[in-house]
Amino acid sequence: MRFRAFIGAVCALGLFAVTLFSDAAQAVPKGVTYDDIVNTGLANSCPQIEQTVRGSISLDKG
């Protein structure tokens, strides 16, 4: 049973590290305006549609 607890701790530590070092963890405070963001480079950290699309579903007319 110690092995199971060890694996759980390693998984928890891994998830913590991934969350800590990901770009998504850097949140922009609520209530910012365009003037607060312009020329700061924050807009370049937004995900693009091409990065998030996994596939497509064809739709028939009618």
N, C-alpha and C. Protein backbone atom coordinates (compact mmCIF):
# COMPACT_ATOMS: atom_id res chain seq x y z
N MET A 1 0.81 -1.19 0.00
CA MET A 1 0.00 0.00 0.00
C MET A 1 0.86 1.27 0.00
N ARG A 2 2.10 1.17 0.42
CA ARG A 2 2.95 2.36 0.40
C ARG A 2 3.25 2.78 -1.03
N PHE A 3 3.30 1.80 -1.92
CA PHE A 3 3.57 2.10 -3.32
C PHE A 3 2.45 2.95 -3.92
N ARG A 4 1.22 2.64 -3.57
CA ARG A 4 0.07 3.39 -4.08
C ARG A 4 0.10 4.84 -3.58
N ALA A 5 0.44 5.04 -2.33
CA ALA A 5 0.54 6.39 -1.78
C ALA A 5 1.68 7.16 -2.45
N PHE A 6 2.77 6.48 -2.72
CA PHE A 6 3.90 7.12 -3.39
C PHE A 6 3.52 7.56 -4.80
N ILE A 7 2.83 6.70 -5.53
CA ILE A 7 2.39 7.05 -6.89
C ILE A 7 1.42 8.22 -6.84
N GLY A 8 0.52 8.25 -5.88
CA GLY A 8 -0.41 9.37 -5.74
C GLY A 8 0.30 10.67 -5.44
N ALA A 9 1.32 10.61 -4.60
CA ALA A 9 2.09 11.81 -4.27
C ALA A 9 2.87 12.31 -5.48
N VAL A 10 3.44 11.40 -6.25
CA VAL A 10 4.18 11.79 -7.46
C VAL A 10 3.24 12.43 -8.48
N CYS A 11 2.06 11.86 -8.65
CA CYS A 11 1.08 12.43 -9.59
C CYS A 11 0.64 13.81 -9.14
N ALA A 12 0.38 13.97 -7.85
CA ALA A 12 -0.03 15.28 -7.33
C ALA A 12 1.08 16.31 -7.51
N LEU A 13 2.30 15.92 -7.27
CA LEU A 13 3.43 16.82 -7.44
C LEU A 13 3.61 17.19 -8.91
N GLY A 14 3.42 16.23 -9.79
CA GLY A 14 3.52 16.49 -11.22
C GLY A 14 2.45 17.46 -11.70
N LEU A 15 1.21 17.27 -11.26
CA LEU A 15 0.15 18.20 -11.63
C LEU A 15 0.41 19.59 -11.09
N PHE A 16 0.93 19.67 -9.89
CA PHE A 16 1.27 20.96 -9.30
C PHE A 16 2.35 21.66 -10.12
N ALA A 17 3.37 20.92 -10.53
CA ALA A 17 4.47 21.51 -11.31
C ALA A 17 3.99 21.97 -12.68
N VAL A 18 3.14 21.18 -13.32
CA VAL A 18 2.62 21.56 -14.64
C VAL A 18 1.79 22.83 -14.52
N THR A 19 0.96 22.91 -13.50
CA THR A 19 0.14 24.10 -13.31
C THR A 19 0.98 25.31 -12.96
N LEU A 20 1.99 25.11 -12.16
CA LEU A 20 2.83 26.22 -11.73
C LEU A 20 3.62 26.82 -12.88
N PHE A 21 4.15 25.98 -13.76
CA PHE A 21 5.04 26.46 -14.81
C PHE A 21 4.36 26.65 -16.16
N SER A 22 3.05 26.55 -16.23
CA SER A 22 2.37 26.75 -17.51
C SER A 22 2.08 28.23 -17.73
N ASP A 23 1.92 28.62 -18.99
CA ASP A 23 1.60 30.00 -19.31
C ASP A 23 0.18 30.36 -18.92
N ALA A 24 -0.69 29.38 -18.81
CA ALA A 24 -2.08 29.66 -18.45
C ALA A 24 -2.22 30.13 -17.01
N ALA A 25 -1.24 29.88 -16.19
CA ALA A 25 -1.33 30.28 -14.79
C ALA A 25 -1.18 31.78 -14.61
N GLN A 26 -0.67 32.47 -15.61
CA GLN A 26 -0.52 33.91 -15.53
C GLN A 26 -1.83 34.57 -15.94
N ALA A 27 -2.61 34.98 -14.98
CA ALA A 27 -3.92 35.55 -15.25
C ALA A 27 -3.82 37.07 -15.31
N VAL A 28 -4.66 37.64 -16.14
CA VAL A 28 -4.76 39.10 -16.23
C VAL A 28 -5.84 39.53 -15.26
N PRO A 29 -5.59 40.55 -14.45
CA PRO A 29 -6.61 40.99 -13.51
C PRO A 29 -7.89 41.44 -14.22
N LYS A 30 -9.01 41.25 -13.56
CA LYS A 30 -10.30 41.65 -14.13
C LYS A 30 -10.39 43.17 -14.19
N GLY A 31 -11.12 43.65 -15.16
CA GLY A 31 -11.37 45.07 -15.26
C GLY A 31 -10.30 45.86 -15.99
N VAL A 32 -9.45 45.21 -16.76
CA VAL A 32 -8.45 45.95 -17.51
C VAL A 32 -9.09 46.50 -18.78
N THR A 33 -8.60 47.61 -19.24
CA THR A 33 -9.12 48.24 -20.44
C THR A 33 -8.12 48.07 -21.58
N TYR A 34 -8.52 48.50 -22.74
CA TYR A 34 -7.64 48.44 -23.91
C TYR A 34 -6.38 49.25 -23.67
N ASP A 35 -6.54 50.41 -23.06
CA ASP A 35 -5.38 51.27 -22.80
C ASP A 35 -4.40 50.63 -21.83
N ASP A 36 -4.89 49.76 -20.93
CA ASP A 36 -4.00 49.07 -20.00
C ASP A 36 -3.16 47.99 -20.69
N ILE A 37 -3.69 47.42 -21.77
CA ILE A 37 -3.05 46.29 -22.43
C ILE A 37 -2.22 46.69 -23.64
N VAL A 38 -2.60 47.77 -24.31
CA VAL A 38 -1.94 48.15 -25.56
C VAL A 38 -0.44 48.36 -25.33
N ASN A 39 0.34 47.81 -26.24
CA ASN A 39 1.81 47.89 -26.25
C ASN A 39 2.48 47.23 -25.04
N THR A 40 1.81 46.28 -24.41
CA THR A 40 2.43 45.55 -23.29
C THR A 40 2.83 44.14 -23.67
N GLY A 41 2.29 43.60 -24.77
CA GLY A 41 2.59 42.23 -25.18
C GLY A 41 1.66 41.20 -24.56
N LEU A 42 0.71 41.61 -23.72
CA LEU A 42 -0.21 40.66 -23.11
C LEU A 42 -1.14 40.02 -24.12
N ALA A 43 -1.50 40.74 -25.17
CA ALA A 43 -2.40 40.19 -26.17
C ALA A 43 -1.75 39.05 -26.94
N ASN A 44 -0.44 39.01 -27.01
CA ASN A 44 0.26 37.95 -27.73
C ASN A 44 0.25 36.63 -26.98
N SER A 45 -0.13 36.62 -25.71
CA SER A 45 -0.16 35.37 -24.95
C SER A 45 -1.50 34.66 -25.02
N CYS A 46 -2.47 35.22 -25.75
CA CYS A 46 -3.78 34.59 -25.90
C CYS A 46 -3.66 33.41 -26.86
N PRO A 47 -4.38 32.32 -26.59
CA PRO A 47 -4.33 31.17 -27.51
C PRO A 47 -5.01 31.49 -28.84
N GLN A 48 -4.50 30.96 -29.90
CA GLN A 48 -5.09 31.14 -31.22
C GLN A 48 -6.07 30.00 -31.49
N ILE A 49 -7.01 30.24 -32.38
CA ILE A 49 -8.01 29.22 -32.69
C ILE A 49 -7.35 27.97 -33.26
N GLU A 50 -6.32 28.13 -34.07
CA GLU A 50 -5.66 26.98 -34.67
C GLU A 50 -5.02 26.08 -33.61
N GLN A 51 -4.64 26.65 -32.47
CA GLN A 51 -4.01 25.88 -31.41
C GLN A 51 -5.02 25.08 -30.60
N THR A 52 -6.28 25.51 -30.59
CA THR A 52 -7.26 24.85 -29.73
C THR A 52 -8.22 23.94 -30.48
N VAL A 53 -8.27 24.03 -31.80
CA VAL A 53 -9.19 23.20 -32.58
C VAL A 53 -8.63 21.80 -32.70
N ARG A 54 -9.44 20.81 -32.42
CA ARG A 54 -8.98 19.41 -32.49
C ARG A 54 -9.48 18.70 -33.74
N GLY A 55 -10.53 19.18 -34.32
CA GLY A 55 -11.10 18.53 -35.49
C GLY A 55 -12.29 19.32 -35.98
N SER A 56 -13.03 18.74 -36.89
CA SER A 56 -14.21 19.43 -37.40
C SER A 56 -15.33 18.42 -37.60
N ILE A 57 -16.53 18.94 -37.59
CA ILE A 57 -17.72 18.12 -37.81
C ILE A 57 -18.42 18.68 -39.04
N SER A 58 -18.63 17.84 -40.02
CA SER A 58 -19.30 18.31 -41.23
C SER A 58 -20.81 18.35 -40.99
N LEU A 59 -21.44 19.43 -41.46
CA LEU A 59 -22.88 19.60 -41.30
C LEU A 59 -23.53 19.55 -42.67
N ASP A 60 -24.63 18.79 -42.76
CA ASP A 60 -25.37 18.71 -44.00
C ASP A 60 -26.40 19.82 -44.06
N LYS A 61 -26.63 20.33 -45.28
CA LYS A 61 -27.64 21.36 -45.46
C LYS A 61 -29.02 20.75 -45.33
N GLY A 62 -29.93 21.53 -44.76
CA GLY A 62 -31.31 21.06 -44.74
C GLY A 62 -31.78 20.82 -43.42
